[in-house]
Amino acid sequence: MKRGIVLKDDWPGYSLDLFTYPEHYHEDIESVYIPHGVIMNRVERLAHYIMDDFGEHNNIMVLCVLKGGYKFCADLVEFIEVLGRNSNKYLETRVEFIRLKSYLNDQSTEELHIIGSGDLSFLRGKSVLIVEAIVDTGKTMKALLKHVETFEPKMVKVAGLLVKRVPNMTESLTDYVGFEIPNHFVVGYALDYNEYFRDLNHICVITQELGR
């Protein structure tokens, strides 16, 4: 459960013919790697886990990492709210947005830069859920967690829709994992390639020609 749904290295995805998607992307994507319906069902399951863990705290501060995390965050929060309305354990959510930069000359570094306001003092004493679309080496998340802890929140958990299996991955930092995937470049569901493909509902693998 800690690893989420594990997609094996040889998983090719589904044929494009089985799903609908913006036709202008036909030459740019190889396969539908994770269909939208599967994504939504898994996000709903993560909402259940979060309700179980955070329910006694009554409210939660959600820290959404932009840009790729906005769809995952929006759907996750909506599921949490729906679950709360249909039970006696309502979890009030407040969402804040941050953008991160943790690379230099295309190389990942330990140094973290928060674009916009770096003052996260509103997290003090709060139960915090960091929502990130994709985690690979874990360096960025490790740096963000270290930064968040300086503001003395009550507790901090991390929800990652995708966690990549990469050789230099640090220890597991993600408490709620949607899918563990091989080290493939994927797009869709707000994940982009040069700002394209964010409007794809499915998570897809781009063609080798485009990825070069």
N, C-alpha and C. Protein backbone atom coordinates (compact mmCIF):
# COMPACT_ATOMS: atom_id res chain seq x y z
N MET A 1 0.82 -1.20 0.00
CA MET A 1 0.00 0.00 0.00
C MET A 1 0.86 1.25 0.00
N LYS A 2 2.01 1.19 0.67
CA LYS A 2 2.90 2.35 0.73
C LYS A 2 3.36 2.75 -0.66
N ARG A 3 3.51 1.78 -1.56
CA ARG A 3 4.01 2.05 -2.91
C ARG A 3 2.89 2.40 -3.87
N GLY A 4 1.66 2.30 -3.45
CA GLY A 4 0.55 2.58 -4.35
C GLY A 4 0.38 1.46 -5.37
N ILE A 5 -0.23 1.77 -6.50
CA ILE A 5 -0.38 0.81 -7.59
C ILE A 5 0.94 0.79 -8.37
N VAL A 6 1.57 -0.36 -8.43
CA VAL A 6 2.90 -0.46 -9.04
C VAL A 6 2.77 -0.88 -10.50
N LEU A 7 3.24 -0.03 -11.40
CA LEU A 7 3.28 -0.36 -12.82
C LEU A 7 4.67 -0.88 -13.15
N LYS A 8 4.73 -2.08 -13.71
CA LYS A 8 6.01 -2.73 -13.95
C LYS A 8 6.77 -2.08 -15.11
N ASP A 9 8.06 -2.36 -15.16
CA ASP A 9 8.93 -1.74 -16.16
C ASP A 9 8.48 -2.03 -17.58
N ASP A 10 7.90 -3.20 -17.80
CA ASP A 10 7.52 -3.58 -19.17
C ASP A 10 6.06 -3.24 -19.49
N TRP A 11 5.41 -2.45 -18.63
CA TRP A 11 4.02 -2.08 -18.91
C TRP A 11 3.99 -1.10 -20.08
N PRO A 12 3.36 -1.47 -21.22
CA PRO A 12 3.39 -0.61 -22.41
C PRO A 12 2.29 0.45 -22.44
N GLY A 13 1.31 0.32 -21.55
CA GLY A 13 0.16 1.21 -21.63
C GLY A 13 -0.90 0.65 -22.56
N TYR A 14 -1.97 1.42 -22.76
CA TYR A 14 -3.07 1.00 -23.60
C TYR A 14 -2.98 1.66 -24.98
N SER A 15 -3.52 0.98 -25.98
CA SER A 15 -3.57 1.53 -27.32
C SER A 15 -4.39 2.82 -27.33
N LEU A 16 -3.92 3.79 -28.11
CA LEU A 16 -4.63 5.06 -28.23
C LEU A 16 -6.04 4.87 -28.79
N ASP A 17 -6.23 3.82 -29.58
CA ASP A 17 -7.53 3.58 -30.21
C ASP A 17 -8.64 3.28 -29.20
N LEU A 18 -8.27 2.94 -27.98
CA LEU A 18 -9.26 2.56 -26.97
C LEU A 18 -9.85 3.75 -26.22
N PHE A 19 -9.27 4.94 -26.41
CA PHE A 19 -9.68 6.09 -25.61
C PHE A 19 -9.86 7.33 -26.48
N THR A 20 -10.55 8.30 -25.92
CA THR A 20 -10.67 9.60 -26.59
C THR A 20 -9.65 10.56 -25.99
N TYR A 21 -9.14 11.45 -26.82
CA TYR A 21 -8.14 12.44 -26.40
C TYR A 21 -8.07 13.49 -27.51
N PRO A 22 -7.49 14.66 -27.24
CA PRO A 22 -7.38 15.70 -28.28
C PRO A 22 -6.62 15.16 -29.49
N GLU A 23 -7.27 15.19 -30.64
CA GLU A 23 -6.72 14.56 -31.84
C GLU A 23 -5.38 15.18 -32.26
N HIS A 24 -5.14 16.45 -31.94
CA HIS A 24 -3.89 17.08 -32.37
C HIS A 24 -2.67 16.51 -31.64
N TYR A 25 -2.89 15.67 -30.63
CA TYR A 25 -1.77 15.03 -29.94
C TYR A 25 -1.45 13.64 -30.50
N HIS A 26 -2.16 13.22 -31.53
CA HIS A 26 -2.04 11.84 -32.01
C HIS A 26 -0.61 11.46 -32.37
N GLU A 27 0.14 12.36 -33.00
CA GLU A 27 1.50 12.03 -33.43
C GLU A 27 2.52 12.17 -32.30
N ASP A 28 2.09 12.68 -31.16
CA ASP A 28 3.03 13.00 -30.09
C ASP A 28 3.00 12.06 -28.90
N ILE A 29 1.96 11.22 -28.80
CA ILE A 29 1.89 10.29 -27.67
C ILE A 29 1.86 8.85 -28.17
N GLU A 30 2.53 7.99 -27.41
CA GLU A 30 2.66 6.58 -27.78
C GLU A 30 1.47 5.75 -27.28
N SER A 31 1.07 5.99 -26.03
CA SER A 31 0.03 5.16 -25.43
C SER A 31 -0.62 5.89 -24.27
N VAL A 32 -1.78 5.40 -23.89
CA VAL A 32 -2.43 5.88 -22.66
C VAL A 32 -1.87 5.04 -21.52
N TYR A 33 -1.04 5.65 -20.72
CA TYR A 33 -0.33 4.91 -19.67
C TYR A 33 -1.24 4.63 -18.47
N ILE A 34 -1.97 5.66 -18.03
CA ILE A 34 -2.95 5.49 -16.95
C ILE A 34 -4.22 6.23 -17.37
N PRO A 35 -5.31 5.52 -17.63
CA PRO A 35 -6.55 6.18 -18.07
C PRO A 35 -7.12 7.09 -16.98
N HIS A 36 -7.86 8.09 -17.42
CA HIS A 36 -8.41 9.08 -16.49
C HIS A 36 -9.30 8.45 -15.43
N GLY A 37 -10.12 7.49 -15.83
CA GLY A 37 -11.01 6.84 -14.86
C GLY A 37 -10.25 6.14 -13.75
N VAL A 38 -9.14 5.51 -14.11
CA VAL A 38 -8.31 4.83 -13.11
C VAL A 38 -7.66 5.85 -12.17
N ILE A 39 -7.21 6.95 -12.75
CA ILE A 39 -6.63 8.03 -11.94
C ILE A 39 -7.64 8.50 -10.91
N MET A 40 -8.86 8.79 -11.35
CA MET A 40 -9.88 9.34 -10.46
C MET A 40 -10.24 8.35 -9.35
N ASN A 41 -10.33 7.08 -9.69
CA ASN A 41 -10.67 6.10 -8.68
C ASN A 41 -9.57 5.99 -7.64
N ARG A 42 -8.32 6.06 -8.10
CA ARG A 42 -7.19 5.98 -7.16
C ARG A 42 -7.13 7.23 -6.28
N VAL A 43 -7.40 8.40 -6.85
CA VAL A 43 -7.40 9.64 -6.07
C VAL A 43 -8.49 9.57 -4.99
N GLU A 44 -9.63 9.00 -5.33
CA GLU A 44 -10.70 8.84 -4.34
C GLU A 44 -10.24 7.93 -3.20
N ARG A 45 -9.50 6.88 -3.54
CA ARG A 45 -8.98 5.97 -2.51
C ARG A 45 -7.99 6.70 -1.60
N LEU A 46 -7.15 7.55 -2.18
CA LEU A 46 -6.20 8.33 -1.37
C LEU A 46 -6.96 9.26 -0.43
N ALA A 47 -8.07 9.82 -0.90
CA ALA A 47 -8.87 10.69 -0.04
C ALA A 47 -9.36 9.94 1.19
N HIS A 48 -9.73 8.66 1.03
CA HIS A 48 -10.14 7.84 2.17
C HIS A 48 -9.00 7.70 3.17
N TYR A 49 -7.78 7.41 2.66
CA TYR A 49 -6.64 7.27 3.56
C TYR A 49 -6.40 8.56 4.34
N ILE A 50 -6.48 9.69 3.63
CA ILE A 50 -6.23 10.98 4.26
C ILE A 50 -7.29 11.29 5.31
N MET A 51 -8.54 10.99 5.01
CA MET A 51 -9.61 11.19 6.00
C MET A 51 -9.35 10.37 7.25
N ASP A 52 -8.88 9.15 7.08
CA ASP A 52 -8.60 8.29 8.24
C ASP A 52 -7.47 8.87 9.09
N ASP A 53 -6.44 9.43 8.43
CA ASP A 53 -5.27 9.94 9.16
C ASP A 53 -5.50 11.32 9.76
N PHE A 54 -6.20 12.18 9.03
CA PHE A 54 -6.35 13.58 9.45
C PHE A 54 -7.69 13.86 10.12
N GLY A 55 -8.59 12.91 10.12
CA GLY A 55 -9.96 13.17 10.56
C GLY A 55 -10.08 13.78 11.93
N GLU A 56 -9.24 13.37 12.87
CA GLU A 56 -9.34 13.89 14.23
C GLU A 56 -8.82 15.32 14.36
N HIS A 57 -8.19 15.84 13.29
CA HIS A 57 -7.62 17.19 13.34
C HIS A 57 -8.63 18.25 12.90
N ASN A 58 -9.76 17.84 12.34
CA ASN A 58 -10.87 18.73 11.94
C ASN A 58 -10.57 19.64 10.76
N ASN A 59 -9.34 20.11 10.62
CA ASN A 59 -9.01 20.95 9.47
C ASN A 59 -7.60 20.62 8.99
N ILE A 60 -7.36 20.97 7.75
CA ILE A 60 -6.10 20.59 7.10
C ILE A 60 -5.67 21.72 6.16
N MET A 61 -4.39 22.01 6.19
CA MET A 61 -3.79 22.98 5.28
C MET A 61 -3.17 22.22 4.11
N VAL A 62 -3.71 22.40 2.93
CA VAL A 62 -3.22 21.71 1.74
C VAL A 62 -2.26 22.64 1.00
N LEU A 63 -1.05 22.17 0.78
CA LEU A 63 -0.03 22.95 0.08
C LEU A 63 0.18 22.31 -1.29
N CYS A 64 -0.39 22.94 -2.33
CA CYS A 64 -0.34 22.39 -3.69
C CYS A 64 0.88 22.91 -4.42
N VAL A 65 1.68 21.99 -4.96
CA VAL A 65 2.88 22.35 -5.70
C VAL A 65 2.51 22.50 -7.18
N LEU A 66 2.61 23.73 -7.67
CA LEU A 66 2.30 24.04 -9.06
C LEU A 66 3.51 23.82 -9.96
N LYS A 67 3.30 23.68 -11.30
CA LYS A 67 2.01 23.74 -11.93
C LYS A 67 1.37 22.36 -12.04
N GLY A 68 2.20 21.35 -12.09
CA GLY A 68 1.72 20.00 -12.40
C GLY A 68 0.74 19.42 -11.41
N GLY A 69 0.72 19.94 -10.19
CA GLY A 69 -0.11 19.34 -9.16
C GLY A 69 -1.52 19.87 -9.06
N TYR A 70 -1.90 20.84 -9.91
CA TYR A 70 -3.17 21.51 -9.67
C TYR A 70 -4.38 20.61 -9.89
N LYS A 71 -4.35 19.74 -10.91
CA LYS A 71 -5.50 18.87 -11.15
C LYS A 71 -5.62 17.81 -10.07
N PHE A 72 -4.50 17.20 -9.73
CA PHE A 72 -4.48 16.20 -8.67
C PHE A 72 -5.00 16.81 -7.38
N CYS A 73 -4.52 18.00 -7.06
CA CYS A 73 -4.94 18.67 -5.83
C CYS A 73 -6.43 18.97 -5.84
N ALA A 74 -6.92 19.53 -6.94
CA ALA A 74 -8.34 19.89 -7.03
C ALA A 74 -9.23 18.67 -6.86
N ASP A 75 -8.89 17.58 -7.53
CA ASP A 75 -9.70 16.36 -7.45
C ASP A 75 -9.60 15.73 -6.06
N LEU A 76 -8.40 15.72 -5.48
CA LEU A 76 -8.21 15.14 -4.16
C LEU A 76 -9.02 15.90 -3.11
N VAL A 77 -8.95 17.22 -3.14
CA VAL A 77 -9.69 18.04 -2.18
C VAL A 77 -11.19 17.85 -2.36
N GLU A 78 -11.63 17.76 -3.61
CA GLU A 78 -13.07 17.56 -3.85
C GLU A 78 -13.55 16.23 -3.27
N PHE A 79 -12.75 15.18 -3.45
CA PHE A 79 -13.12 13.88 -2.89
C PHE A 79 -13.16 13.94 -1.36
N ILE A 80 -12.20 14.63 -0.76
CA ILE A 80 -12.18 14.78 0.70
C ILE A 80 -13.44 15.49 1.18
N GLU A 81 -13.84 16.54 0.46
CA GLU A 81 -15.05 17.29 0.84
C GLU A 81 -16.31 16.45 0.68
N VAL A 82 -16.38 15.67 -0.41
CA VAL A 82 -17.54 14.81 -0.62
C VAL A 82 -17.63 13.76 0.47
N LEU A 83 -16.51 13.15 0.82
CA LEU A 83 -16.50 12.14 1.88
C LEU A 83 -16.95 12.75 3.20
N GLY A 84 -16.51 13.99 3.45
CA GLY A 84 -16.89 14.65 4.69
C GLY A 84 -18.37 14.95 4.76
N ARG A 85 -18.94 15.36 3.63
CA ARG A 85 -20.38 15.68 3.60
C ARG A 85 -21.25 14.44 3.79
N ASN A 86 -20.68 13.29 3.48
CA ASN A 86 -21.45 12.05 3.58
C ASN A 86 -21.06 11.21 4.78
N SER A 87 -20.44 11.82 5.76
CA SER A 87 -20.08 11.12 6.99
C SER A 87 -20.16 12.10 8.15
N ASN A 88 -19.87 11.60 9.35
CA ASN A 88 -19.88 12.47 10.52
C ASN A 88 -18.48 12.98 10.85
N LYS A 89 -17.57 12.85 9.89
CA LYS A 89 -16.18 13.26 10.12
C LYS A 89 -15.77 14.23 9.01
N TYR A 90 -16.18 15.49 9.14
CA TYR A 90 -15.88 16.49 8.11
C TYR A 90 -14.49 17.08 8.33
N LEU A 91 -13.71 17.16 7.26
CA LEU A 91 -12.35 17.67 7.32
C LEU A 91 -12.29 18.97 6.52
N GLU A 92 -12.23 20.08 7.20
CA GLU A 92 -12.17 21.38 6.53
C GLU A 92 -10.82 21.56 5.86
N THR A 93 -10.83 21.99 4.60
CA THR A 93 -9.58 22.15 3.85
C THR A 93 -9.37 23.60 3.43
N ARG A 94 -8.13 24.04 3.55
CA ARG A 94 -7.72 25.33 3.01
C ARG A 94 -6.54 25.06 2.09
N VAL A 95 -6.58 25.57 0.88
CA VAL A 95 -5.56 25.28 -0.12
C VAL A 95 -4.70 26.51 -0.37
N GLU A 96 -3.39 26.32 -0.32
CA GLU A 96 -2.42 27.34 -0.71
C GLU A 96 -1.55 26.77 -1.83
N PHE A 97 -1.00 27.66 -2.68
CA PHE A 97 -0.25 27.21 -3.84
C PHE A 97 1.18 27.74 -3.79
N ILE A 98 2.12 26.87 -4.15
CA ILE A 98 3.52 27.29 -4.26
C ILE A 98 4.11 26.72 -5.54
N ARG A 99 5.12 27.40 -6.06
CA ARG A 99 5.91 26.88 -7.18
C ARG A 99 7.35 26.77 -6.73
N LEU A 100 7.99 25.70 -7.16
CA LEU A 100 9.34 25.41 -6.70
C LEU A 100 10.33 25.39 -7.86
N LYS A 101 11.56 25.75 -7.55
CA LYS A 101 12.67 25.62 -8.48
C LYS A 101 13.83 25.01 -7.72
N SER A 102 14.27 23.86 -8.18
CA SER A 102 15.34 23.17 -7.44
C SER A 102 16.40 22.62 -8.38
N TYR A 103 16.65 23.36 -9.47
CA TYR A 103 17.63 22.88 -10.43
C TYR A 103 18.50 24.03 -10.91
N LEU A 104 19.67 23.67 -11.41
CA LEU A 104 20.60 24.64 -11.95
C LEU A 104 21.19 24.05 -13.21
N ASN A 105 21.02 24.72 -14.35
CA ASN A 105 21.50 24.21 -15.64
C ASN A 105 20.98 22.79 -15.89
N ASP A 106 19.66 22.61 -15.63
CA ASP A 106 18.98 21.33 -15.85
C ASP A 106 19.42 20.21 -14.92
N GLN A 107 20.18 20.52 -13.89
CA GLN A 107 20.61 19.51 -12.93
C GLN A 107 19.93 19.75 -11.59
N SER A 108 19.38 18.70 -11.01
CA SER A 108 18.72 18.81 -9.73
C SER A 108 19.74 19.12 -8.63
N THR A 109 19.37 20.01 -7.72
CA THR A 109 20.26 20.38 -6.63
C THR A 109 19.49 20.26 -5.31
N GLU A 110 20.23 20.36 -4.20
CA GLU A 110 19.62 20.31 -2.88
C GLU A 110 19.02 21.66 -2.50
N GLU A 111 19.37 22.73 -3.23
CA GLU A 111 18.91 24.06 -2.88
C GLU A 111 17.52 24.30 -3.46
N LEU A 112 16.63 24.81 -2.64
CA LEU A 112 15.25 24.99 -3.03
C LEU A 112 14.91 26.48 -3.10
N HIS A 113 14.26 26.88 -4.18
CA HIS A 113 13.78 28.25 -4.31
C HIS A 113 12.27 28.21 -4.48
N ILE A 114 11.56 28.91 -3.62
CA ILE A 114 10.11 29.00 -3.73
C ILE A 114 9.79 30.26 -4.52
N ILE A 115 9.12 30.08 -5.65
CA ILE A 115 8.76 31.20 -6.50
C ILE A 115 7.51 31.86 -5.94
N GLY A 116 7.60 33.14 -5.70
CA GLY A 116 6.52 33.84 -5.02
C GLY A 116 6.89 34.01 -3.56
N SER A 117 5.91 33.95 -2.69
CA SER A 117 6.17 34.15 -1.26
C SER A 117 6.82 32.93 -0.64
N GLY A 118 7.96 33.14 0.01
CA GLY A 118 8.63 32.06 0.72
C GLY A 118 8.20 32.01 2.18
N ASP A 119 7.32 32.93 2.58
CA ASP A 119 6.84 32.99 3.96
C ASP A 119 5.67 32.03 4.14
N LEU A 120 5.93 30.92 4.78
CA LEU A 120 4.90 29.92 5.01
C LEU A 120 4.50 29.91 6.49
N SER A 121 4.56 31.07 7.13
CA SER A 121 4.27 31.15 8.56
C SER A 121 2.83 30.75 8.88
N PHE A 122 1.94 30.79 7.88
CA PHE A 122 0.55 30.37 8.10
C PHE A 122 0.44 28.87 8.38
N LEU A 123 1.54 28.13 8.20
CA LEU A 123 1.54 26.70 8.48
C LEU A 123 1.75 26.38 9.95
N ARG A 124 2.16 27.36 10.73
CA ARG A 124 2.50 27.13 12.12
C ARG A 124 1.31 26.53 12.90
N GLY A 125 1.59 25.39 13.53
CA GLY A 125 0.57 24.73 14.33
C GLY A 125 -0.51 24.02 13.54
N LYS A 126 -0.38 23.97 12.22
CA LYS A 126 -1.42 23.37 11.36
C LYS A 126 -1.06 21.94 10.97
N SER A 127 -2.08 21.18 10.62
CA SER A 127 -1.89 19.88 9.99
C SER A 127 -1.77 20.10 8.49
N VAL A 128 -0.64 19.71 7.91
CA VAL A 128 -0.30 20.09 6.54
C VAL A 128 -0.25 18.86 5.64
N LEU A 129 -0.86 19.00 4.47
CA LEU A 129 -0.75 17.98 3.43
C LEU A 129 -0.12 18.62 2.20
N ILE A 130 1.08 18.18 1.84
CA ILE A 130 1.74 18.65 0.62
C ILE A 130 1.27 17.77 -0.53
N VAL A 131 0.80 18.39 -1.61
CA VAL A 131 0.28 17.65 -2.76
C VAL A 131 1.18 17.93 -3.96
N GLU A 132 1.80 16.87 -4.47
CA GLU A 132 2.73 16.97 -5.59
C GLU A 132 2.33 15.94 -6.64
N ALA A 133 2.41 16.34 -7.92
CA ALA A 133 1.99 15.44 -9.00
C ALA A 133 2.97 14.28 -9.18
N ILE A 134 4.27 14.58 -9.12
CA ILE A 134 5.27 13.55 -9.43
C ILE A 134 6.52 13.74 -8.58
N VAL A 135 7.01 12.63 -8.03
CA VAL A 135 8.22 12.62 -7.21
C VAL A 135 9.19 11.64 -7.84
N ASP A 136 10.42 12.09 -8.12
CA ASP A 136 11.39 11.14 -8.69
C ASP A 136 12.56 10.93 -7.74
N THR A 137 13.62 11.73 -7.83
CA THR A 137 14.77 11.51 -6.93
C THR A 137 14.42 11.84 -5.49
N GLY A 138 13.41 12.67 -5.28
CA GLY A 138 13.03 13.06 -3.93
C GLY A 138 13.79 14.25 -3.38
N LYS A 139 14.76 14.77 -4.14
CA LYS A 139 15.56 15.89 -3.64
C LYS A 139 14.72 17.14 -3.39
N THR A 140 13.85 17.45 -4.34
CA THR A 140 13.00 18.63 -4.19
C THR A 140 12.08 18.47 -2.99
N MET A 141 11.45 17.31 -2.87
CA MET A 141 10.53 17.09 -1.76
C MET A 141 11.26 17.12 -0.42
N LYS A 142 12.45 16.55 -0.38
CA LYS A 142 13.22 16.56 0.87
C LYS A 142 13.54 17.99 1.29
N ALA A 143 13.91 18.82 0.31
CA ALA A 143 14.22 20.21 0.60
C ALA A 143 12.96 20.97 1.03
N LEU A 144 11.83 20.69 0.39
CA LEU A 144 10.59 21.36 0.76
C LEU A 144 10.16 20.97 2.17
N LEU A 145 10.25 19.69 2.49
CA LEU A 145 9.88 19.24 3.84
C LEU A 145 10.74 19.91 4.90
N LYS A 146 12.02 20.02 4.62
CA LYS A 146 12.93 20.67 5.56
C LYS A 146 12.53 22.13 5.76
N HIS A 147 12.16 22.80 4.66
CA HIS A 147 11.74 24.20 4.73
C HIS A 147 10.42 24.34 5.50
N VAL A 148 9.46 23.47 5.22
CA VAL A 148 8.16 23.53 5.88
C VAL A 148 8.31 23.32 7.39
N GLU A 149 9.18 22.40 7.79
CA GLU A 149 9.37 22.09 9.20
C GLU A 149 9.87 23.30 10.00
N THR A 150 10.55 24.23 9.34
CA THR A 150 11.04 25.41 10.05
C THR A 150 9.89 26.29 10.55
N PHE A 151 8.69 26.12 10.00
CA PHE A 151 7.54 26.91 10.42
C PHE A 151 6.70 26.20 11.48
N GLU A 152 7.20 25.06 11.97
CA GLU A 152 6.63 24.35 13.11
C GLU A 152 5.15 23.97 12.92
N PRO A 153 4.83 23.23 11.86
CA PRO A 153 3.46 22.72 11.73
C PRO A 153 3.21 21.61 12.74
N LYS A 154 1.94 21.31 12.98
CA LYS A 154 1.59 20.24 13.91
C LYS A 154 1.98 18.89 13.35
N MET A 155 1.70 18.68 12.07
CA MET A 155 2.09 17.45 11.38
C MET A 155 2.17 17.73 9.89
N VAL A 156 2.95 16.91 9.18
CA VAL A 156 3.11 17.08 7.74
C VAL A 156 3.05 15.71 7.07
N LYS A 157 2.22 15.60 6.04
CA LYS A 157 2.13 14.41 5.21
C LYS A 157 2.29 14.82 3.75
N VAL A 158 2.69 13.87 2.91
CA VAL A 158 2.90 14.14 1.49
C VAL A 158 2.06 13.19 0.66
N ALA A 159 1.31 13.75 -0.29
CA ALA A 159 0.57 12.95 -1.26
C ALA A 159 1.20 13.15 -2.63
N GLY A 160 1.62 12.07 -3.26
CA GLY A 160 2.21 12.12 -4.60
C GLY A 160 1.41 11.25 -5.54
N LEU A 161 0.92 11.83 -6.63
CA LEU A 161 0.16 11.02 -7.58
C LEU A 161 1.04 9.96 -8.21
N LEU A 162 2.23 10.38 -8.64
CA LEU A 162 3.18 9.47 -9.27
C LEU A 162 4.50 9.49 -8.52
N VAL A 163 5.06 8.32 -8.28
CA VAL A 163 6.41 8.21 -7.74
C VAL A 163 7.21 7.37 -8.72
N LYS A 164 8.31 7.93 -9.22
CA LYS A 164 9.12 7.21 -10.20
C LYS A 164 10.18 6.35 -9.52
N ARG A 165 10.43 5.18 -10.14
CA ARG A 165 11.55 4.34 -9.71
C ARG A 165 12.79 4.82 -10.45
N VAL A 166 13.67 5.49 -9.75
CA VAL A 166 14.90 5.99 -10.36
C VAL A 166 16.09 5.51 -9.55
N PRO A 167 17.26 5.34 -10.19
CA PRO A 167 18.44 4.78 -9.51
C PRO A 167 18.88 5.58 -8.29
N ASN A 168 18.82 6.90 -8.38
CA ASN A 168 19.34 7.74 -7.30
C ASN A 168 18.24 8.30 -6.41
N MET A 169 17.15 7.55 -6.28
CA MET A 169 16.04 8.00 -5.46
C MET A 169 16.42 7.95 -3.98
N THR A 170 16.04 9.01 -3.23
CA THR A 170 16.30 9.04 -1.81
C THR A 170 15.25 8.18 -1.09
N GLU A 171 15.30 8.16 0.23
CA GLU A 171 14.34 7.37 0.98
C GLU A 171 12.92 7.84 0.68
N SER A 172 11.96 6.95 0.89
CA SER A 172 10.57 7.28 0.58
C SER A 172 10.09 8.44 1.45
N LEU A 173 9.59 9.48 0.80
CA LEU A 173 9.11 10.66 1.50
C LEU A 173 7.61 10.85 1.31
N THR A 174 6.99 9.97 0.54
CA THR A 174 5.59 10.13 0.16
C THR A 174 4.71 9.22 1.00
N ASP A 175 3.76 9.81 1.72
CA ASP A 175 2.89 9.04 2.60
C ASP A 175 1.72 8.42 1.85
N TYR A 176 1.23 9.11 0.82
CA TYR A 176 0.10 8.63 0.03
C TYR A 176 0.53 8.62 -1.43
N VAL A 177 0.64 7.42 -2.00
CA VAL A 177 1.14 7.27 -3.37
C VAL A 177 0.01 6.79 -4.27
N GLY A 178 -0.19 7.50 -5.37
CA GLY A 178 -1.17 7.02 -6.34
C GLY A 178 -0.64 5.84 -7.12
N PHE A 179 0.46 6.07 -7.86
CA PHE A 179 1.05 5.04 -8.72
C PHE A 179 2.57 5.11 -8.63
N GLU A 180 3.20 3.96 -8.52
CA GLU A 180 4.65 3.89 -8.68
C GLU A 180 4.93 3.46 -10.11
N ILE A 181 5.72 4.26 -10.83
CA ILE A 181 5.92 4.01 -12.25
C ILE A 181 7.41 3.92 -12.57
N PRO A 182 7.76 3.29 -13.69
CA PRO A 182 9.16 3.29 -14.13
C PRO A 182 9.60 4.71 -14.48
N ASN A 183 10.87 4.86 -14.76
CA ASN A 183 11.43 6.18 -15.06
C ASN A 183 11.13 6.56 -16.51
N HIS A 184 9.84 6.75 -16.80
CA HIS A 184 9.39 7.20 -18.12
C HIS A 184 8.96 8.65 -18.05
N PHE A 185 9.05 9.34 -19.18
CA PHE A 185 8.55 10.72 -19.25
C PHE A 185 7.07 10.65 -19.59
N VAL A 186 6.24 11.09 -18.67
CA VAL A 186 4.79 11.03 -18.88
C VAL A 186 4.20 12.43 -18.85
N VAL A 187 3.07 12.56 -19.53
CA VAL A 187 2.38 13.85 -19.62
C VAL A 187 0.89 13.63 -19.41
N GLY A 188 0.18 14.73 -19.26
CA GLY A 188 -1.26 14.67 -19.10
C GLY A 188 -1.68 14.83 -17.65
N TYR A 189 -2.97 15.08 -17.43
CA TYR A 189 -3.51 15.32 -16.09
C TYR A 189 -2.70 16.42 -15.41
N ALA A 190 -2.43 17.48 -16.18
CA ALA A 190 -1.71 18.70 -15.78
C ALA A 190 -0.19 18.57 -15.85
N LEU A 191 0.35 17.37 -16.11
CA LEU A 191 1.80 17.22 -16.33
C LEU A 191 2.11 17.63 -17.76
N ASP A 192 3.21 18.34 -17.97
CA ASP A 192 3.45 18.92 -19.28
C ASP A 192 4.79 18.53 -19.88
N TYR A 193 4.93 18.85 -21.14
CA TYR A 193 6.22 18.84 -21.84
C TYR A 193 6.28 20.19 -22.55
N ASN A 194 7.15 21.07 -22.05
CA ASN A 194 7.23 22.44 -22.59
C ASN A 194 5.86 23.12 -22.64
N GLU A 195 5.09 22.94 -21.57
CA GLU A 195 3.77 23.53 -21.39
C GLU A 195 2.67 22.93 -22.26
N TYR A 196 2.99 21.89 -23.01
CA TYR A 196 1.97 21.18 -23.78
C TYR A 196 1.48 19.97 -22.98
N PHE A 197 0.31 19.47 -23.33
CA PHE A 197 -0.30 18.24 -22.81
C PHE A 197 -0.98 18.39 -21.46
N ARG A 198 -0.97 19.57 -20.85
CA ARG A 198 -1.63 19.70 -19.55
C ARG A 198 -3.13 19.41 -19.67
N ASP A 199 -3.71 19.61 -20.86
CA ASP A 199 -5.14 19.43 -21.04
C ASP A 199 -5.54 17.98 -21.31
N LEU A 200 -4.59 17.07 -21.40
CA LEU A 200 -4.92 15.65 -21.53
C LEU A 200 -5.52 15.14 -20.23
N ASN A 201 -6.62 14.41 -20.30
CA ASN A 201 -7.20 13.82 -19.09
C ASN A 201 -6.42 12.59 -18.63
N HIS A 202 -5.95 11.81 -19.59
CA HIS A 202 -5.18 10.60 -19.27
C HIS A 202 -3.72 10.97 -19.01
N ILE A 203 -3.00 10.08 -18.34
CA ILE A 203 -1.55 10.18 -18.28
C ILE A 203 -0.99 9.32 -19.40
N CYS A 204 -0.17 9.92 -20.25
CA CYS A 204 0.31 9.26 -21.47
C CYS A 204 1.82 9.30 -21.55
N VAL A 205 2.37 8.40 -22.36
CA VAL A 205 3.79 8.38 -22.66
C VAL A 205 3.99 9.08 -24.00
N ILE A 206 4.92 10.03 -24.06
CA ILE A 206 5.17 10.74 -25.31
C ILE A 206 6.03 9.89 -26.23
N THR A 207 6.01 10.21 -27.52
CA THR A 207 6.80 9.46 -28.49
C THR A 207 8.29 9.69 -28.27
N GLN A 208 9.10 8.74 -28.68
CA GLN A 208 10.54 8.84 -28.51
C GLN A 208 11.10 10.03 -29.28
N GLU A 209 10.52 10.31 -30.45
CA GLU A 209 11.00 11.43 -31.26
C GLU A 209 10.81 12.75 -30.52
N LEU A 210 9.66 12.88 -29.87
CA LEU A 210 9.38 14.14 -29.15
C LEU A 210 10.26 14.26 -27.91
N GLY A 211 10.55 13.14 -27.28
CA GLY A 211 11.30 13.16 -26.02
C GLY A 211 12.78 13.37 -26.20
N ARG A 212 13.27 13.36 -27.43
CA ARG A 212 14.70 13.53 -27.63
C ARG A 212 15.09 15.00 -27.52
